[in-house]
Amino acid sequence: MEAGDRYEFVVAGDPDPARLDAWLAAQPRLSETGLSRSRLRDLAVAGFIAVNGAPARPAQRIRTGDAITVDVPPLSAPADLVPQDIPLTVVYEDSHVAVVDKPAGLPVHPGPGHPDGTLVNALLARCPEIGEKSGGGIGGELRPGIVHRLDRDTSGLMVVAKTQLAHIRLTEQLKDRTMLKEYLGVAVGLVTPASGVIDAPIARDPRHRQRMAVGAGGRVARTHYETAAELPGHTLLRLRLETGRTHQIRVHLAYLGYPLLGDPVYGKASDRIGRQFLHAARLGFRHPETGEWSEHEAGLPADLDRLLAKLRSNAGTSQQTGDFVASKI
């Protein structure tokens, strides 16, 4: 979701719930972007939501046929970014880069549904130098230090640039596809064939602007995958990104017919897990200062590890998570 976006809805059928803020909060196109009910309420009070062309109240009752528009105001200015003491797991750090193990639920940078409380805010507290350079910080105004991103509910490793030169050189590695990014994911179903390359272009979904989809005219996207274990009704996969498109793994696996377990956007939400089962387990890159290869690993967080243990137990296998992380595609 980008600042300045407009979302339009027409109420079909009897609205349930019928209160405006509650109805909007239940719309996937908005909830998937992180816009909470309280944030929608604030937008309505500020005049950014209209019903049938007139400014709306959060508690306003809506009816069949009502036309609703939601306008997202611009993001905060760079000066509004504030350091926040948010706990971070840092697996490596020097004067040029930091490698962090991002927890699920933590947005990478500010957005309409989360103006603060992000990885950027945490980094500004730990590494204030990333926000002190001219031009709004290392690598950009609203995303100082950020080289690449993970979805809000995807956990795992990210590299952060602490100097402008480090940002330039790491970004070049992304463009040249020489940065190693490997994930562990659990797909619904027994994936066939057991390994391969998903080579399918990805573009914005024309029917749902906040989703991505495989389609002609999209950007080149390639995902390498390999089965690590077959589990009851599921497959544990090792996945390596050759390209880095938005939601790439999630879109590609759904396109293949095996969506990630718990993915509410491209598959189905699950009462067994509160997010998609996807973790960035391995990250490798050339150090921007020394040129030496730097590689890092992160085991599964507790929620994914517990669920995987249950799936393995049902399958009657005792193989440990660490074995999966250590084995490369």
C-alpha atoms as a PDB file:
ATOM      1  CA  MET A   1       0.000   0.000   0.000  1.00  0.00           C
ATOM      2  CA  GLU A   2       1.411   3.366  -0.988  1.00  0.00           C
ATOM      3  CA  ALA A   3       0.623   6.781   0.472  1.00  0.00           C
ATOM      4  CA  GLY A   4      -1.932   8.620  -1.618  1.00  0.00           C
ATOM      5  CA  ASP A   5      -3.807   5.458  -2.701  1.00  0.00           C
ATOM      6  CA  ARG A   6      -7.588   5.584  -3.039  1.00  0.00           C
ATOM      7  CA  TYR A   7      -9.765   2.555  -2.283  1.00  0.00           C
ATOM      8  CA  GLU A   8     -13.307   2.377  -3.574  1.00  0.00           C
ATOM      9  CA  PHE A   9     -16.087   0.040  -2.438  1.00  0.00           C
ATOM     10  CA  VAL A  10     -19.750  -0.476  -3.243  1.00  0.00           C
ATOM     11  CA  VAL A  11     -21.732  -2.211  -0.522  1.00  0.00           C
ATOM     12  CA  ALA A  12     -23.379  -5.340  -1.895  1.00  0.00           C
ATOM     13  CA  GLY A  13     -26.078  -7.118   0.074  1.00  0.00           C
ATOM     14  CA  ASP A  14     -26.920  -6.308   3.681  1.00  0.00           C
ATOM     15  CA  PRO A  15     -23.693  -5.029   5.269  1.00  0.00           C
ATOM     16  CA  ASP A  16     -22.559  -7.095   8.238  1.00  0.00           C
ATOM     17  CA  PRO A  17     -21.406  -5.351  10.322  1.00  0.00           C
ATOM     18  CA  ALA A  18     -23.327  -2.221   9.313  1.00  0.00           C
ATOM     19  CA  ARG A  19     -21.144   0.304  11.136  1.00  0.00           C
ATOM     20  CA  LEU A  20     -18.718   1.970   8.696  1.00  0.00           C
ATOM     21  CA  ASP A  21     -15.418   1.512  10.547  1.00  0.00           C
ATOM     22  CA  ALA A  22     -16.171  -2.122  11.417  1.00  0.00           C
ATOM     23  CA  TRP A  23     -17.279  -2.927   7.851  1.00  0.00           C
ATOM     24  CA  LEU A  24     -14.140  -1.397   6.347  1.00  0.00           C
ATOM     25  CA  ALA A  25     -11.897  -3.199   8.839  1.00  0.00           C
ATOM     26  CA  ALA A  26     -13.380  -6.494   7.612  1.00  0.00           C
ATOM     27  CA  GLN A  27     -12.503  -5.802   3.963  1.00  0.00           C
ATOM     28  CA  PRO A  28      -9.443  -7.872   2.928  1.00  0.00           C
ATOM     29  CA  ARG A  29      -8.180  -5.142   0.587  1.00  0.00           C
ATOM     30  CA  LEU A  30      -7.690  -2.923   3.641  1.00  0.00           C
ATOM     31  CA  SER A  31      -6.899  -5.400   6.409  1.00  0.00           C
ATOM     32  CA  GLU A  32      -4.126  -7.003   4.356  1.00  0.00           C
ATOM     33  CA  THR A  33      -2.290  -3.656   4.269  1.00  0.00           C
ATOM     34  CA  GLY A  34      -2.243  -3.256   8.046  1.00  0.00           C
ATOM     35  CA  LEU A  35      -4.998  -0.621   8.270  1.00  0.00           C
ATOM     36  CA  SER A  36      -6.626  -1.414  11.603  1.00  0.00           C
ATOM     37  CA  ARG A  37     -10.109  -0.403  12.708  1.00  0.00           C
ATOM     38  CA  SER A  38      -8.674   2.284  14.967  1.00  0.00           C
ATOM     39  CA  ARG A  39      -6.601   3.692  12.101  1.00  0.00           C
ATOM     40  CA  LEU A  40      -9.655   3.681   9.818  1.00  0.00           C
ATOM     41  CA  ARG A  41     -11.582   5.495  12.538  1.00  0.00           C
ATOM     42  CA  ASP A  42      -8.863   8.158  12.641  1.00  0.00           C
ATOM     43  CA  LEU A  43      -8.976   8.525   8.858  1.00  0.00           C
ATOM     44  CA  ALA A  44     -12.736   9.043   8.969  1.00  0.00           C
ATOM     45  CA  VAL A  45     -12.475  11.678  11.694  1.00  0.00           C
ATOM     46  CA  ALA A  46      -9.807  13.456   9.631  1.00  0.00           C
ATOM     47  CA  GLY A  47     -12.071  13.516   6.576  1.00  0.00           C
ATOM     48  CA  PHE A  48     -10.316  10.879   4.450  1.00  0.00           C
ATOM     49  CA  ILE A  49     -13.325   8.548   4.173  1.00  0.00           C
ATOM     50  CA  ALA A  50     -16.516   9.408   2.306  1.00  0.00           C
ATOM     51  CA  VAL A  51     -19.866   7.682   1.777  1.00  0.00           C
ATOM     52  CA  ASN A  52     -21.702   8.648  -1.387  1.00  0.00           C
ATOM     53  CA  GLY A  53     -19.356  11.608  -1.784  1.00  0.00           C
ATOM     54  CA  ALA A  54     -19.968  13.083   1.674  1.00  0.00           C
ATOM     55  CA  PRO A  55     -17.531  12.978   4.622  1.00  0.00           C
ATOM     56  CA  ALA A  56     -18.336   9.995   6.794  1.00  0.00           C
ATOM     57  CA  ARG A  57     -18.403   9.348  10.527  1.00  0.00           C
ATOM     58  CA  PRO A  58     -16.769   6.180  11.941  1.00  0.00           C
ATOM     59  CA  ALA A  59     -20.043   5.017  13.522  1.00  0.00           C
ATOM     60  CA  GLN A  60     -22.146   5.844  10.470  1.00  0.00           C
ATOM     61  CA  ARG A  61     -24.555   3.101   9.431  1.00  0.00           C
ATOM     62  CA  ILE A  62     -24.079   1.939   5.857  1.00  0.00           C
ATOM     63  CA  ARG A  63     -26.633   0.458   3.475  1.00  0.00           C
ATOM     64  CA  THR A  64     -26.751  -1.650   0.333  1.00  0.00           C
ATOM     65  CA  GLY A  65     -25.518   0.315  -2.653  1.00  0.00           C
ATOM     66  CA  ASP A  66     -23.483   2.872  -0.673  1.00  0.00           C
ATOM     67  CA  ALA A  67     -20.306   3.981  -2.471  1.00  0.00           C
ATOM     68  CA  ILE A  68     -17.396   4.304  -0.064  1.00  0.00           C
ATOM     69  CA  THR A  69     -13.991   5.852  -0.751  1.00  0.00           C
ATOM     70  CA  VAL A  70     -10.938   5.649   1.481  1.00  0.00           C
ATOM     71  CA  ASP A  71      -8.060   8.023   0.744  1.00  0.00           C
ATOM     72  CA  VAL A  72      -4.697   7.310   2.350  1.00  0.00           C
ATOM     73  CA  PRO A  73      -2.822  10.486   3.298  1.00  0.00           C
ATOM     74  CA  PRO A  74       0.917  10.952   2.651  1.00  0.00           C
ATOM     75  CA  LEU A  75       3.352   9.222   4.954  1.00  0.00           C
ATOM     76  CA  SER A  76       5.166  11.122   7.672  1.00  0.00           C
ATOM     77  CA  ALA A  77       8.073  13.329   6.716  1.00  0.00           C
ATOM     78  CA  PRO A  78      11.587  11.948   7.344  1.00  0.00           C
ATOM     79  CA  ALA A  79      11.976  14.280  10.332  1.00  0.00           C
ATOM     80  CA  ASP A  80       9.025  12.495  11.975  1.00  0.00           C
ATOM     81  CA  LEU A  81      10.861   9.164  12.102  1.00  0.00           C
ATOM     82  CA  VAL A  82      11.746   8.611  15.734  1.00  0.00           C
ATOM     83  CA  PRO A  83      14.084   6.084  17.377  1.00  0.00           C
ATOM     84  CA  GLN A  84      12.169   3.533  19.424  1.00  0.00           C
ATOM     85  CA  ASP A  85      13.556   1.016  21.874  1.00  0.00           C
ATOM     86  CA  ILE A  86      12.172  -2.092  20.196  1.00  0.00           C
ATOM     87  CA  PRO A  87      14.055  -5.331  20.968  1.00  0.00           C
ATOM     88  CA  LEU A  88      16.054  -6.672  18.025  1.00  0.00           C
ATOM     89  CA  THR A  89      17.944  -9.910  17.538  1.00  0.00           C
ATOM     90  CA  VAL A  90      21.193  -8.967  15.786  1.00  0.00           C
ATOM     91  CA  VAL A  91      23.157 -11.974  14.524  1.00  0.00           C
ATOM     92  CA  TYR A  92      26.060  -9.939  13.106  1.00  0.00           C
ATOM     93  CA  GLU A  93      27.163  -6.301  13.214  1.00  0.00           C
ATOM     94  CA  ASP A  94      30.153  -4.170  12.343  1.00  0.00           C
ATOM     95  CA  SER A  95      30.657  -0.545  11.326  1.00  0.00           C
ATOM     96  CA  HIS A  96      29.326  -1.218   7.799  1.00  0.00           C
ATOM     97  CA  VAL A  97      26.405  -3.650   8.110  1.00  0.00           C
ATOM     98  CA  ALA A  98      24.071  -5.308  10.573  1.00  0.00           C
ATOM     99  CA  VAL A  99      22.237  -8.593  10.043  1.00  0.00           C
ATOM    100  CA  VAL A 100      19.014  -8.826  12.028  1.00  0.00           C
ATOM    101  CA  ASP A 101      16.576 -11.668  12.625  1.00  0.00           C
ATOM    102  CA  LYS A 102      13.259  -9.867  12.135  1.00  0.00           C
ATOM    103  CA  PRO A 103      10.342 -11.258  14.125  1.00  0.00           C
ATOM    104  CA  ALA A 104       6.961 -11.849  12.529  1.00  0.00           C
ATOM    105  CA  GLY A 105       4.524  -9.003  13.077  1.00  0.00           C
ATOM    106  CA  LEU A 106       7.166  -6.272  12.842  1.00  0.00           C
ATOM    107  CA  PRO A 107       6.738  -4.055   9.753  1.00  0.00           C
ATOM    108  CA  VAL A 108      10.004  -3.139   8.042  1.00  0.00           C
ATOM    109  CA  HIS A 109       9.255   0.557   7.537  1.00  0.00           C
ATOM    110  CA  PRO A 110       6.445   3.038   8.279  1.00  0.00           C
ATOM    111  CA  GLY A 111       3.248   2.767   6.272  1.00  0.00           C
ATOM    112  CA  PRO A 112      -0.377   3.895   6.424  1.00  0.00           C
ATOM    113  CA  GLY A 113      -1.351   1.253   8.969  1.00  0.00           C
ATOM    114  CA  HIS A 114       1.820   1.564  11.046  1.00  0.00           C
ATOM    115  CA  PRO A 115       3.372   5.065  11.206  1.00  0.00           C
ATOM    116  CA  ASP A 116       5.881   3.841  13.805  1.00  0.00           C
ATOM    117  CA  GLY A 117       6.771   0.693  15.727  1.00  0.00           C
ATOM    118  CA  THR A 118       8.752  -0.629  12.768  1.00  0.00           C
ATOM    119  CA  LEU A 119      12.161  -2.127  12.128  1.00  0.00           C
ATOM    120  CA  VAL A 120      13.320   1.297  10.904  1.00  0.00           C
ATOM    121  CA  ASN A 121      12.347   2.870  14.235  1.00  0.00           C
ATOM    122  CA  ALA A 122      14.223   0.132  16.091  1.00  0.00           C
ATOM    123  CA  LEU A 123      17.298   0.572  13.884  1.00  0.00           C
ATOM    124  CA  LEU A 124      17.357   4.326  14.452  1.00  0.00           C
ATOM    125  CA  ALA A 125      17.620   3.642  18.181  1.00  0.00           C
ATOM    126  CA  ARG A 126      20.345   1.034  17.823  1.00  0.00           C
ATOM    127  CA  CYS A 127      22.248   2.561  14.882  1.00  0.00           C
ATOM    128  CA  PRO A 128      21.502   6.310  14.904  1.00  0.00           C
ATOM    129  CA  GLU A 129      24.100   6.893  12.193  1.00  0.00           C
ATOM    130  CA  ILE A 130      21.787   5.471   9.531  1.00  0.00           C
ATOM    131  CA  GLY A 131      19.485   8.462   9.889  1.00  0.00           C
ATOM    132  CA  GLU A 132      22.065  11.213  10.229  1.00  0.00           C
ATOM    133  CA  LYS A 133      23.269  11.481   6.643  1.00  0.00           C
ATOM    134  CA  SER A 134      22.158  14.234   4.296  1.00  0.00           C
ATOM    135  CA  GLY A 135      19.155  13.373   2.129  1.00  0.00           C
ATOM    136  CA  GLY A 136      17.182  11.734   4.925  1.00  0.00           C
ATOM    137  CA  GLY A 137      19.399   8.807   5.906  1.00  0.00           C
ATOM    138  CA  ILE A 138      21.281   5.878   4.438  1.00  0.00           C
ATOM    139  CA  GLY A 139      19.443   4.638   1.351  1.00  0.00           C
ATOM    140  CA  GLY A 140      16.410   6.918   1.495  1.00  0.00           C
ATOM    141  CA  GLU A 141      14.150   9.122   3.530  1.00  0.00           C
ATOM    142  CA  LEU A 142      11.560   6.747   4.968  1.00  0.00           C
ATOM    143  CA  ARG A 143      13.632   3.559   4.828  1.00  0.00           C
ATOM    144  CA  PRO A 144      17.080   4.466   6.154  1.00  0.00           C
ATOM    145  CA  GLY A 145      19.443   1.497   6.061  1.00  0.00           C
ATOM    146  CA  ILE A 146      16.953  -0.844   4.405  1.00  0.00           C
ATOM    147  CA  VAL A 147      18.419  -2.872   1.521  1.00  0.00           C
ATOM    148  CA  HIS A 148      15.640  -5.432   1.038  1.00  0.00           C
ATOM    149  CA  ARG A 149      12.374  -6.229   2.759  1.00  0.00           C
ATOM    150  CA  LEU A 150      10.406  -9.062   4.313  1.00  0.00           C
ATOM    151  CA  ASP A 151       6.625  -9.131   4.570  1.00  0.00           C
ATOM    152  CA  ARG A 152       5.304  -8.042   7.941  1.00  0.00           C
ATOM    153  CA  ASP A 153       4.378 -11.604   8.941  1.00  0.00           C
ATOM    154  CA  THR A 154       7.487 -13.250   7.496  1.00  0.00           C
ATOM    155  CA  SER A 155      10.297 -13.760   9.982  1.00  0.00           C
ATOM    156  CA  GLY A 156      14.008 -14.093   9.405  1.00  0.00           C
ATOM    157  CA  LEU A 157      17.227 -12.528   8.243  1.00  0.00           C
ATOM    158  CA  MET A 158      17.720  -9.079   6.724  1.00  0.00           C
ATOM    159  CA  VAL A 159      20.930  -7.142   6.082  1.00  0.00           C
ATOM    160  CA  VAL A 160      20.973  -3.439   6.953  1.00  0.00           C
ATOM    161  CA  ALA A 161      23.455  -0.930   5.528  1.00  0.00           C
ATOM    162  CA  LYS A 162      25.110   1.427   8.027  1.00  0.00           C
ATOM    163  CA  THR A 163      26.963   3.522   5.438  1.00  0.00           C
ATOM    164  CA  GLN A 164      25.957   4.950   2.080  1.00  0.00           C
ATOM    165  CA  LEU A 165      28.678   2.939   0.318  1.00  0.00           C
ATOM    166  CA  ALA A 166      27.458  -0.272   1.960  1.00  0.00           C
ATOM    167  CA  HIS A 167      23.932   0.461   0.789  1.00  0.00           C
ATOM    168  CA  ILE A 168      25.083   1.041  -2.790  1.00  0.00           C
ATOM    169  CA  ARG A 169      27.159  -2.138  -2.929  1.00  0.00           C
ATOM    170  CA  LEU A 170      24.544  -4.351  -1.290  1.00  0.00           C
ATOM    171  CA  THR A 171      21.851  -2.983  -3.593  1.00  0.00           C
ATOM    172  CA  GLU A 172      24.075  -3.822  -6.553  1.00  0.00           C
ATOM    173  CA  GLN A 173      24.287  -7.417  -5.330  1.00  0.00           C
ATOM    174  CA  LEU A 174      20.505  -7.578  -5.228  1.00  0.00           C
ATOM    175  CA  LYS A 175      20.280  -6.289  -8.785  1.00  0.00           C
ATOM    176  CA  ASP A 176      23.007  -8.687  -9.951  1.00  0.00           C
ATOM    177  CA  ARG A 177      21.231 -11.571  -8.156  1.00  0.00           C
ATOM    178  CA  THR A 178      24.395 -12.543  -6.301  1.00  0.00           C
ATOM    179  CA  MET A 179      22.896 -12.194  -2.813  1.00  0.00           C
ATOM    180  CA  LEU A 180      21.830 -15.528  -1.296  1.00  0.00           C
ATOM    181  CA  LYS A 181      18.332 -15.571   0.175  1.00  0.00           C
ATOM    182  CA  GLU A 182      16.990 -18.938   1.301  1.00  0.00           C
ATOM    183  CA  TYR A 183      13.746 -19.631   3.127  1.00  0.00           C
ATOM    184  CA  LEU A 184      11.949 -22.431   4.910  1.00  0.00           C
ATOM    185  CA  GLY A 185       8.250 -22.717   4.197  1.00  0.00           C
ATOM    186  CA  VAL A 186       5.471 -25.227   4.713  1.00  0.00           C
ATOM    187  CA  ALA A 187       3.140 -25.616   1.740  1.00  0.00           C
ATOM    188  CA  VAL A 188      -0.327 -27.124   1.852  1.00  0.00           C
ATOM    189  CA  GLY A 189      -0.340 -30.429  -0.037  1.00  0.00           C
ATOM    190  CA  LEU A 190       2.380 -32.788  -1.210  1.00  0.00           C
ATOM    191  CA  VAL A 191       4.371 -30.735  -3.696  1.00  0.00           C
ATOM    192  CA  THR A 192       4.936 -32.402  -7.067  1.00  0.00           C
ATOM    193  CA  PRO A 193       7.511 -32.490  -8.495  1.00  0.00           C
ATOM    194  CA  ALA A 194       9.584 -32.575  -5.328  1.00  0.00           C
ATOM    195  CA  SER A 195      12.002 -29.948  -6.598  1.00  0.00           C
ATOM    196  CA  GLY A 196      12.215 -27.485  -9.431  1.00  0.00           C
ATOM    197  CA  VAL A 197      12.170 -23.864 -10.537  1.00  0.00           C
ATOM    198  CA  ILE A 198       9.018 -21.776 -10.685  1.00  0.00           C
ATOM    199  CA  ASP A 199       9.628 -19.390 -13.579  1.00  0.00           C
ATOM    200  CA  ALA A 200       6.553 -17.179 -13.885  1.00  0.00           C
ATOM    201  CA  PRO A 201       6.327 -13.378 -14.215  1.00  0.00           C
ATOM    202  CA  ILE A 202       4.697 -11.441 -11.396  1.00  0.00           C
ATOM    203  CA  ALA A 203       2.645  -8.257 -11.687  1.00  0.00           C
ATOM    204  CA  ARG A 204       0.080  -6.436  -9.611  1.00  0.00           C
ATOM    205  CA  ASP A 205      -3.260  -8.251  -9.628  1.00  0.00           C
ATOM    206  CA  PRO A 206      -5.582  -6.168 -11.847  1.00  0.00           C
ATOM    207  CA  ARG A 207      -8.615  -7.219  -9.811  1.00  0.00           C
ATOM    208  CA  HIS A 208      -7.077  -6.656  -6.353  1.00  0.00           C
ATOM    209  CA  ARG A 209      -4.573  -3.834  -6.400  1.00  0.00           C
ATOM    210  CA  GLN A 210      -2.952  -4.795  -3.093  1.00  0.00           C
ATOM    211  CA  ARG A 211      -2.209  -8.338  -4.280  1.00  0.00           C
ATOM    212  CA  MET A 212       0.307  -9.666  -6.749  1.00  0.00           C
ATOM    213  CA  ALA A 213      -0.348 -12.355  -9.352  1.00  0.00           C
ATOM    214  CA  VAL A 214       1.348 -14.375 -12.072  1.00  0.00           C
ATOM    215  CA  GLY A 215       0.485 -12.835 -15.407  1.00  0.00           C
ATOM    216  CA  ALA A 216       1.713 -11.865 -18.847  1.00  0.00           C
ATOM    217  CA  GLY A 217       3.525  -8.582 -18.830  1.00  0.00           C
ATOM    218  CA  GLY A 218       4.774  -9.053 -15.294  1.00  0.00           C
ATOM    219  CA  ARG A 219       8.386  -8.800 -14.154  1.00  0.00           C
ATOM    220  CA  VAL A 220      10.638 -11.839 -14.444  1.00  0.00           C
ATOM    221  CA  ALA A 221      10.451 -13.952 -11.281  1.00  0.00           C
ATOM    222  CA  ARG A 222      12.187 -17.241 -10.471  1.00  0.00           C
ATOM    223  CA  THR A 223      11.947 -19.315  -7.309  1.00  0.00           C
ATOM    224  CA  HIS A 224      13.998 -22.482  -6.761  1.00  0.00           C
ATOM    225  CA  TYR A 225      12.494 -25.012  -4.374  1.00  0.00           C
ATOM    226  CA  GLU A 226      13.348 -28.407  -2.936  1.00  0.00           C
ATOM    227  CA  THR A 227      11.378 -30.706  -0.664  1.00  0.00           C
ATOM    228  CA  ALA A 228      12.988 -31.047   2.760  1.00  0.00           C
ATOM    229  CA  ALA A 229      10.319 -33.318   4.219  1.00  0.00           C
ATOM    230  CA  GLU A 230       6.904 -34.707   3.317  1.00  0.00           C
ATOM    231  CA  LEU A 231       4.457 -34.262   6.178  1.00  0.00           C
ATOM    232  CA  PRO A 232       0.789 -35.256   6.549  1.00  0.00           C
ATOM    233  CA  GLY A 233      -0.975 -33.103   3.965  1.00  0.00           C
ATOM    234  CA  HIS A 234       1.926 -30.669   3.819  1.00  0.00           C
ATOM    235  CA  THR A 235       5.462 -30.248   2.465  1.00  0.00           C
ATOM    236  CA  LEU A 236       8.392 -28.580   4.169  1.00  0.00           C
ATOM    237  CA  LEU A 237      10.297 -26.713   1.464  1.00  0.00           C
ATOM    238  CA  ARG A 238      13.646 -25.023   1.125  1.00  0.00           C
ATOM    239  CA  LEU A 239      13.250 -22.088  -1.233  1.00  0.00           C
ATOM    240  CA  ARG A 240      15.810 -19.821  -2.860  1.00  0.00           C
ATOM    241  CA  LEU A 241      14.961 -16.569  -4.533  1.00  0.00           C
ATOM    242  CA  GLU A 242      16.708 -15.827  -7.795  1.00  0.00           C
ATOM    243  CA  THR A 243      14.701 -12.609  -8.094  1.00  0.00           C
ATOM    244  CA  GLY A 244      13.023 -10.608  -5.350  1.00  0.00           C
ATOM    245  CA  ARG A 245       9.513  -9.575  -6.366  1.00  0.00           C
ATOM    246  CA  THR A 246       6.848  -8.530  -3.888  1.00  0.00           C
ATOM    247  CA  HIS A 247       5.293 -11.616  -2.222  1.00  0.00           C
ATOM    248  CA  GLN A 248       7.231 -13.782  -4.695  1.00  0.00           C
ATOM    249  CA  ILE A 249       7.328 -17.057  -2.779  1.00  0.00           C
ATOM    250  CA  ARG A 250       3.721 -16.700  -1.653  1.00  0.00           C
ATOM    251  CA  VAL A 251       2.496 -15.926  -5.180  1.00  0.00           C
ATOM    252  CA  HIS A 252       4.572 -18.632  -6.862  1.00  0.00           C
ATOM    253  CA  LEU A 253       3.537 -21.431  -4.499  1.00  0.00           C
ATOM    254  CA  ALA A 254      -0.125 -20.467  -4.800  1.00  0.00           C
ATOM    255  CA  TYR A 255       0.275 -20.432  -8.594  1.00  0.00           C
ATOM    256  CA  LEU A 256       1.759 -23.932  -8.403  1.00  0.00           C
ATOM    257  CA  GLY A 257      -1.283 -25.035  -6.406  1.00  0.00           C
ATOM    258  CA  TYR A 258       0.453 -25.374  -3.034  1.00  0.00           C
ATOM    259  CA  PRO A 259      -0.063 -22.147  -1.040  1.00  0.00           C
ATOM    260  CA  LEU A 260       1.832 -21.552   2.154  1.00  0.00           C
ATOM    261  CA  LEU A 261       0.198 -22.860   5.307  1.00  0.00           C
ATOM    262  CA  GLY A 262      -1.625 -19.988   7.019  1.00  0.00           C
ATOM    263  CA  ASP A 263      -1.324 -17.474   4.172  1.00  0.00           C
ATOM    264  CA  PRO A 264      -4.565 -15.463   4.403  1.00  0.00           C
ATOM    265  CA  VAL A 265      -4.003 -13.612   1.120  1.00  0.00           C
ATOM    266  CA  TYR A 266      -2.885 -16.254  -1.381  1.00  0.00           C
ATOM    267  CA  GLY A 267      -4.195 -19.316   0.413  1.00  0.00           C
ATOM    268  CA  LYS A 268      -6.324 -19.665   3.540  1.00  0.00           C
ATOM    269  CA  ALA A 269      -5.911 -18.569   7.136  1.00  0.00           C
ATOM    270  CA  SER A 270      -5.349 -21.458   9.536  1.00  0.00           C
ATOM    271  CA  ASP A 271      -6.341 -21.933  13.156  1.00  0.00           C
ATOM    272  CA  ARG A 272      -3.015 -23.730  13.612  1.00  0.00           C
ATOM    273  CA  ILE A 273      -0.907 -20.619  12.975  1.00  0.00           C
ATOM    274  CA  GLY A 274      -1.547 -16.903  12.945  1.00  0.00           C
ATOM    275  CA  ARG A 275       0.532 -16.133   9.851  1.00  0.00           C
ATOM    276  CA  GLN A 276       2.027 -17.708   6.761  1.00  0.00           C
ATOM    277  CA  PHE A 277       4.643 -20.374   7.495  1.00  0.00           C
ATOM    278  CA  LEU A 278       7.643 -18.646   5.919  1.00  0.00           C
ATOM    279  CA  HIS A 279      11.022 -17.874   7.448  1.00  0.00           C
ATOM    280  CA  ALA A 280      14.149 -16.352   5.901  1.00  0.00           C
ATOM    281  CA  ALA A 281      16.613 -18.913   7.247  1.00  0.00           C
ATOM    282  CA  ARG A 282      19.824 -18.136   5.357  1.00  0.00           C
ATOM    283  CA  LEU A 283      21.367 -14.935   4.019  1.00  0.00           C
ATOM    284  CA  GLY A 284      24.657 -14.521   2.200  1.00  0.00           C
ATOM    285  CA  PHE A 285      26.398 -11.563   0.559  1.00  0.00           C
ATOM    286  CA  ARG A 286      29.771 -10.089  -0.272  1.00  0.00           C
ATOM    287  CA  HIS A 287      30.788  -7.787   2.549  1.00  0.00           C
ATOM    288  CA  PRO A 288      30.562  -4.277   1.080  1.00  0.00           C
ATOM    289  CA  GLU A 289      33.907  -3.214   2.557  1.00  0.00           C
ATOM    290  CA  THR A 290      36.112  -6.335   2.437  1.00  0.00           C
ATOM    291  CA  GLY A 291      34.506  -8.183  -0.493  1.00  0.00           C
ATOM    292  CA  GLU A 292      34.615 -11.410   1.530  1.00  0.00           C
ATOM    293  CA  TRP A 293      31.619 -13.758   1.496  1.00  0.00           C
ATOM    294  CA  SER A 294      29.472 -13.362   4.626  1.00  0.00           C
ATOM    295  CA  GLU A 295      26.798 -15.967   5.366  1.00  0.00           C
ATOM    296  CA  HIS A 296      24.364 -16.191   8.267  1.00  0.00           C
ATOM    297  CA  GLU A 297      21.625 -18.550   9.486  1.00  0.00           C
ATOM    298  CA  ALA A 298      18.599 -18.216  11.748  1.00  0.00           C
ATOM    299  CA  GLY A 299      16.632 -21.131  13.156  1.00  0.00           C
ATOM    300  CA  LEU A 300      12.859 -21.176  13.128  1.00  0.00           C
ATOM    301  CA  PRO A 301      11.114 -18.939  15.678  1.00  0.00           C
ATOM    302  CA  ALA A 302       9.108 -20.604  18.435  1.00  0.00           C
ATOM    303  CA  ASP A 303       5.696 -20.514  16.735  1.00  0.00           C
ATOM    304  CA  LEU A 304       6.909 -22.149  13.535  1.00  0.00           C
ATOM    305  CA  ASP A 305       9.156 -24.599  15.369  1.00  0.00           C
ATOM    306  CA  ARG A 306       6.263 -25.819  17.527  1.00  0.00           C
ATOM    307  CA  LEU A 307       3.993 -26.330  14.546  1.00  0.00           C
ATOM    308  CA  LEU A 308       6.687 -28.097  12.556  1.00  0.00           C
ATOM    309  CA  ALA A 309       7.340 -30.384  15.524  1.00  0.00           C
ATOM    310  CA  LYS A 310       3.653 -31.316  15.578  1.00  0.00           C
ATOM    311  CA  LEU A 311       3.637 -32.001  11.850  1.00  0.00           C
ATOM    312  CA  ARG A 312       6.797 -34.093  12.127  1.00  0.00           C
ATOM    313  CA  SER A 313       5.330 -36.020  15.049  1.00  0.00           C
ATOM    314  CA  ASN A 314       2.244 -36.822  13.001  1.00  0.00           C
ATOM    315  CA  ALA A 315       4.498 -37.999  10.201  1.00  0.00           C
ATOM    316  CA  GLY A 316       6.537 -40.168  12.542  1.00  0.00           C
ATOM    317  CA  THR A 317       9.841 -38.482  11.684  1.00  0.00           C
ATOM    318  CA  SER A 318      12.432 -37.264  14.166  1.00  0.00           C
ATOM    319  CA  GLN A 319      14.535 -35.110  11.853  1.00  0.00           C
ATOM    320  CA  GLN A 320      15.399 -31.826  13.535  1.00  0.00           C
ATOM    321  CA  THR A 321      14.744 -28.324  12.239  1.00  0.00           C
ATOM    322  CA  GLY A 322      18.468 -27.558  12.327  1.00  0.00           C
ATOM    323  CA  ASP A 323      19.068 -30.233   9.700  1.00  0.00           C
ATOM    324  CA  PHE A 324      16.718 -28.445   7.329  1.00  0.00           C
ATOM    325  CA  VAL A 325      18.350 -25.058   7.878  1.00  0.00           C
ATOM    326  CA  ALA A 326      21.862 -26.403   7.347  1.00  0.00           C
ATOM    327  CA  SER A 327      21.087 -28.177   4.077  1.00  0.00           C
ATOM    328  CA  LYS A 328      21.342 -26.060   0.939  1.00  0.00           C
ATOM    329  CA  ILE A 329      19.401 -26.243  -2.289  1.00  0.00           C
END
